N, C-alpha and C. Protein backbone atom coordinates (compact mmCIF):
# COMPACT_ATOMS: atom_id res chain seq x y z
N MET A 1 106.38 119.84 73.54
CA MET A 1 105.81 118.71 72.73
C MET A 1 104.97 118.15 73.78
N ASN A 2 103.72 117.48 73.35
CA ASN A 2 102.98 117.04 74.41
C ASN A 2 103.11 115.90 75.12
N ASP A 3 103.02 115.64 76.09
CA ASP A 3 102.85 114.60 76.87
C ASP A 3 101.66 113.50 76.60
N THR A 4 101.30 112.47 75.59
CA THR A 4 100.04 112.09 75.37
C THR A 4 99.57 111.26 76.53
N THR A 5 100.68 110.89 77.41
CA THR A 5 100.72 109.48 78.09
C THR A 5 99.03 109.70 78.48
N GLN A 6 98.08 108.22 78.20
CA GLN A 6 97.13 108.40 79.19
C GLN A 6 96.49 107.67 80.61
N LEU A 7 96.15 108.39 81.25
CA LEU A 7 96.39 107.68 82.51
C LEU A 7 95.31 106.94 82.76
N PRO A 8 94.89 105.84 83.53
CA PRO A 8 93.72 105.08 83.43
C PRO A 8 93.03 105.33 84.56
N PRO A 9 91.43 105.40 84.71
CA PRO A 9 90.59 106.18 84.95
C PRO A 9 90.97 105.71 85.98
N LEU A 10 90.43 106.63 86.92
CA LEU A 10 90.63 105.98 88.50
C LEU A 10 89.01 105.46 89.37
N PRO A 11 89.49 104.18 89.62
CA PRO A 11 88.24 103.42 90.61
C PRO A 11 87.22 104.10 91.27
N ASP A 12 86.31 103.52 91.30
CA ASP A 12 85.37 104.01 92.52
C ASP A 12 85.62 103.90 93.56
N ARG A 13 86.28 102.43 94.06
CA ARG A 13 86.79 101.70 95.44
C ARG A 13 88.35 101.58 95.03
N LEU A 14 89.18 101.91 96.12
CA LEU A 14 91.27 101.36 95.58
C LEU A 14 91.08 101.70 97.16
N SER A 15 92.72 100.75 97.27
CA SER A 15 92.96 100.60 98.19
C SER A 15 94.60 100.60 97.85
N ILE A 16 95.69 100.88 99.02
CA ILE A 16 96.58 100.88 98.85
C ILE A 16 97.61 99.67 99.47
N ASP A 17 96.63 98.63 99.83
CA ASP A 17 96.82 97.30 100.53
C ASP A 17 97.39 96.48 98.76
N PRO A 18 98.05 95.89 98.55
CA PRO A 18 98.62 94.92 98.00
C PRO A 18 97.96 93.44 98.04
N LYS A 19 97.32 93.10 99.04
CA LYS A 19 96.42 91.90 99.21
C LYS A 19 95.32 91.93 99.21
N SER A 20 94.50 93.54 98.65
CA SER A 20 92.99 93.76 98.86
C SER A 20 92.40 93.62 97.09
N PRO A 21 91.53 93.29 97.13
CA PRO A 21 90.92 92.84 95.80
C PRO A 21 90.48 94.14 95.11
N HIS A 22 90.42 95.72 95.67
CA HIS A 22 90.31 96.47 95.36
C HIS A 22 91.60 97.51 95.44
N HIS A 23 92.46 96.59 94.83
CA HIS A 23 94.07 97.21 95.05
C HIS A 23 94.77 97.05 92.97
N ASP A 24 95.28 98.54 92.83
CA ASP A 24 95.04 98.30 91.24
C ASP A 24 96.48 99.36 90.65
N ALA A 25 97.81 98.11 90.69
CA ALA A 25 98.74 98.78 90.74
C ALA A 25 99.02 99.69 89.12
N GLU A 26 97.92 99.41 88.68
CA GLU A 26 98.73 100.48 87.69
C GLU A 26 97.96 101.80 87.61
N VAL A 27 96.99 102.06 88.59
CA VAL A 27 96.69 103.59 89.12
C VAL A 27 97.77 103.83 90.09
N PHE A 28 98.98 103.12 90.66
CA PHE A 28 99.51 103.55 91.83
C PHE A 28 101.06 103.79 91.02
N LYS A 29 101.02 103.82 89.46
CA LYS A 29 102.25 104.28 89.04
C LYS A 29 102.29 105.82 88.90
N HIS A 30 101.06 106.67 89.05
CA HIS A 30 101.10 108.07 89.08
C HIS A 30 100.76 108.38 90.34
N PRO A 31 101.21 109.44 90.80
CA PRO A 31 100.42 110.00 92.39
C PRO A 31 98.33 110.39 92.63
N VAL A 32 98.15 109.99 93.10
CA VAL A 32 97.09 109.92 93.26
C VAL A 32 96.53 110.99 94.64
N GLY A 33 95.75 111.77 94.28
CA GLY A 33 95.13 112.70 95.46
C GLY A 33 94.05 112.12 95.82
N ILE A 34 93.54 112.54 97.25
CA ILE A 34 92.50 112.04 98.02
C ILE A 34 91.59 113.45 98.98
N ARG A 35 90.67 114.02 97.98
CA ARG A 35 90.32 114.87 98.86
C ARG A 35 88.46 115.24 99.56
N PHE A 36 88.90 114.88 100.95
CA PHE A 36 87.91 114.43 101.90
C PHE A 36 87.27 115.63 102.25
N ASN A 37 85.59 115.62 101.92
CA ASN A 37 84.90 116.92 102.46
C ASN A 37 85.73 118.28 102.64
N GLY A 38 86.18 118.30 100.92
CA GLY A 38 86.73 119.51 100.32
C GLY A 38 88.59 119.68 100.96
N LYS A 39 89.08 119.22 102.02
CA LYS A 39 90.34 119.26 102.19
C LYS A 39 91.27 117.92 101.94
N ASP A 40 92.31 117.90 101.39
CA ASP A 40 93.23 117.25 100.94
C ASP A 40 93.59 116.06 102.12
N ARG A 41 93.93 115.11 101.54
CA ARG A 41 94.14 113.97 102.52
C ARG A 41 95.69 112.99 102.23
N THR A 42 96.10 113.01 102.89
CA THR A 42 97.63 112.01 102.48
C THR A 42 97.64 111.34 103.58
N ASP A 43 96.63 110.91 104.22
CA ASP A 43 96.77 109.20 105.31
C ASP A 43 95.73 108.51 104.80
N VAL A 44 95.19 108.69 104.01
CA VAL A 44 94.25 107.38 103.13
C VAL A 44 94.39 106.13 102.33
N GLU A 45 93.84 104.85 102.98
CA GLU A 45 94.75 103.34 103.04
C GLU A 45 93.66 103.12 101.94
N GLU A 46 92.27 103.38 102.21
CA GLU A 46 91.34 102.81 101.00
C GLU A 46 90.16 103.80 101.20
N TYR A 47 89.62 104.24 99.74
CA TYR A 47 88.55 104.94 99.42
C TYR A 47 87.07 104.50 98.94
N CYS A 48 86.15 104.97 98.58
CA CYS A 48 85.39 104.63 98.08
C CYS A 48 84.17 105.88 97.53
N MET A 49 84.17 105.85 96.18
CA MET A 49 83.20 107.33 96.43
C MET A 49 81.69 106.73 96.47
N SER A 50 81.39 106.01 95.78
CA SER A 50 80.11 105.84 95.65
C SER A 50 79.08 105.82 96.80
N GLU A 51 80.09 105.31 97.78
CA GLU A 51 79.74 105.06 99.32
C GLU A 51 79.79 106.27 100.09
N GLY A 52 81.00 107.19 99.73
CA GLY A 52 81.28 107.99 100.44
C GLY A 52 81.74 108.29 101.59
N TRP A 53 83.50 107.29 101.84
CA TRP A 53 83.56 106.65 103.14
C TRP A 53 85.32 106.49 102.39
N ILE A 54 85.98 107.06 103.70
CA ILE A 54 87.53 106.95 103.80
C ILE A 54 87.97 105.81 104.57
N LYS A 55 89.07 105.05 104.47
CA LYS A 55 89.67 104.58 105.98
C LYS A 55 90.90 104.98 105.74
N VAL A 56 91.13 105.04 107.59
CA VAL A 56 92.32 105.98 107.76
C VAL A 56 93.04 105.11 109.22
N ALA A 57 94.37 105.48 109.32
CA ALA A 57 95.00 104.57 110.58
C ALA A 57 94.41 105.26 111.54
N ALA A 58 93.88 104.19 112.81
CA ALA A 58 93.87 104.90 113.74
C ALA A 58 94.79 105.08 114.93
N GLY A 59 95.41 105.76 114.82
CA GLY A 59 96.24 105.89 115.54
C GLY A 59 97.99 104.92 114.94
N LYS A 60 98.67 104.85 116.00
CA LYS A 60 99.53 103.31 115.99
C LYS A 60 99.36 102.21 116.26
N VAL A 61 98.19 102.29 116.29
CA VAL A 61 97.39 100.47 116.89
C VAL A 61 97.67 99.33 115.57
N LEU A 62 98.10 98.38 116.03
CA LEU A 62 98.19 97.73 114.85
C LEU A 62 97.29 96.72 114.87
N ASP A 63 96.61 95.72 113.97
CA ASP A 63 96.03 94.35 114.30
C ASP A 63 97.34 93.09 115.08
N ARG A 64 96.72 91.79 114.74
CA ARG A 64 97.53 91.13 115.31
C ARG A 64 98.53 90.37 113.80
N LYS A 65 97.83 91.04 111.95
CA LYS A 65 98.80 90.77 111.64
C LYS A 65 100.23 91.46 111.01
N GLY A 66 100.25 92.91 112.17
CA GLY A 66 100.88 94.05 112.34
C GLY A 66 100.17 95.16 111.09
N ARG A 67 99.47 95.23 110.67
CA ARG A 67 98.49 96.04 109.66
C ARG A 67 98.58 96.94 110.83
N PRO A 68 98.52 98.46 110.13
CA PRO A 68 97.00 99.49 111.41
C PRO A 68 95.12 99.07 111.17
N MET A 69 95.20 99.46 112.16
CA MET A 69 93.60 99.44 112.57
C MET A 69 93.12 100.32 111.83
N LEU A 70 92.12 100.60 111.05
CA LEU A 70 91.41 101.03 110.09
C LEU A 70 90.59 102.02 111.34
N ILE A 71 89.96 102.95 110.52
CA ILE A 71 88.30 103.53 110.75
C ILE A 71 87.65 104.13 109.85
N LYS A 72 86.64 104.05 109.83
CA LYS A 72 86.17 104.33 108.14
C LYS A 72 85.45 105.47 108.69
N LEU A 73 85.42 106.91 107.69
CA LEU A 73 84.55 107.95 107.76
C LEU A 73 84.69 108.25 106.91
N LYS A 74 83.28 109.11 106.99
CA LYS A 74 81.76 109.18 106.33
C LYS A 74 82.11 110.63 105.63
N GLY A 75 81.93 110.64 104.65
CA GLY A 75 82.03 111.82 104.00
C GLY A 75 81.80 112.67 102.29
N THR A 76 82.08 113.55 102.33
CA THR A 76 82.41 113.39 100.31
C THR A 76 83.65 113.01 100.06
N VAL A 77 83.80 112.22 99.08
CA VAL A 77 85.06 111.84 98.63
C VAL A 77 85.45 112.14 97.36
N GLU A 78 86.61 112.57 96.64
CA GLU A 78 86.73 113.18 95.22
C GLU A 78 88.05 113.05 94.86
N ALA A 79 88.34 111.67 94.10
CA ALA A 79 90.11 111.45 93.68
C ALA A 79 90.52 111.66 92.39
N TYR A 80 91.63 112.57 92.35
CA TYR A 80 91.90 113.25 91.42
C TYR A 80 93.63 112.11 91.56
N TYR A 81 94.35 112.43 89.84
CA TYR A 81 95.98 112.31 89.59
C TYR A 81 96.07 113.45 90.60
N ALA A 82 97.29 113.44 90.77
CA ALA A 82 98.10 114.93 91.18
C ALA A 82 99.56 115.02 90.54
N VAL A 83 99.35 116.45 89.38
CA VAL A 83 100.30 116.29 88.75
C VAL A 83 101.63 117.50 88.88
């Protein structure tokens, strides 16, 4: 049987933070993978493919609102649905 479920297109910029304007709940109903500079990453908080960066947590450091501090890494970003 064919699975005809249509996946929503991956946006150019996506964040896992629900308070972010770049958060898309429809995309997160399916597992999303990020490949950064040719290696799969599992710790990405936000990405932008056109600008070529990802944001990841900087250790265990938290900001004053209790969210992890993020650092921006530049390179080649590819997003895909992990099946």
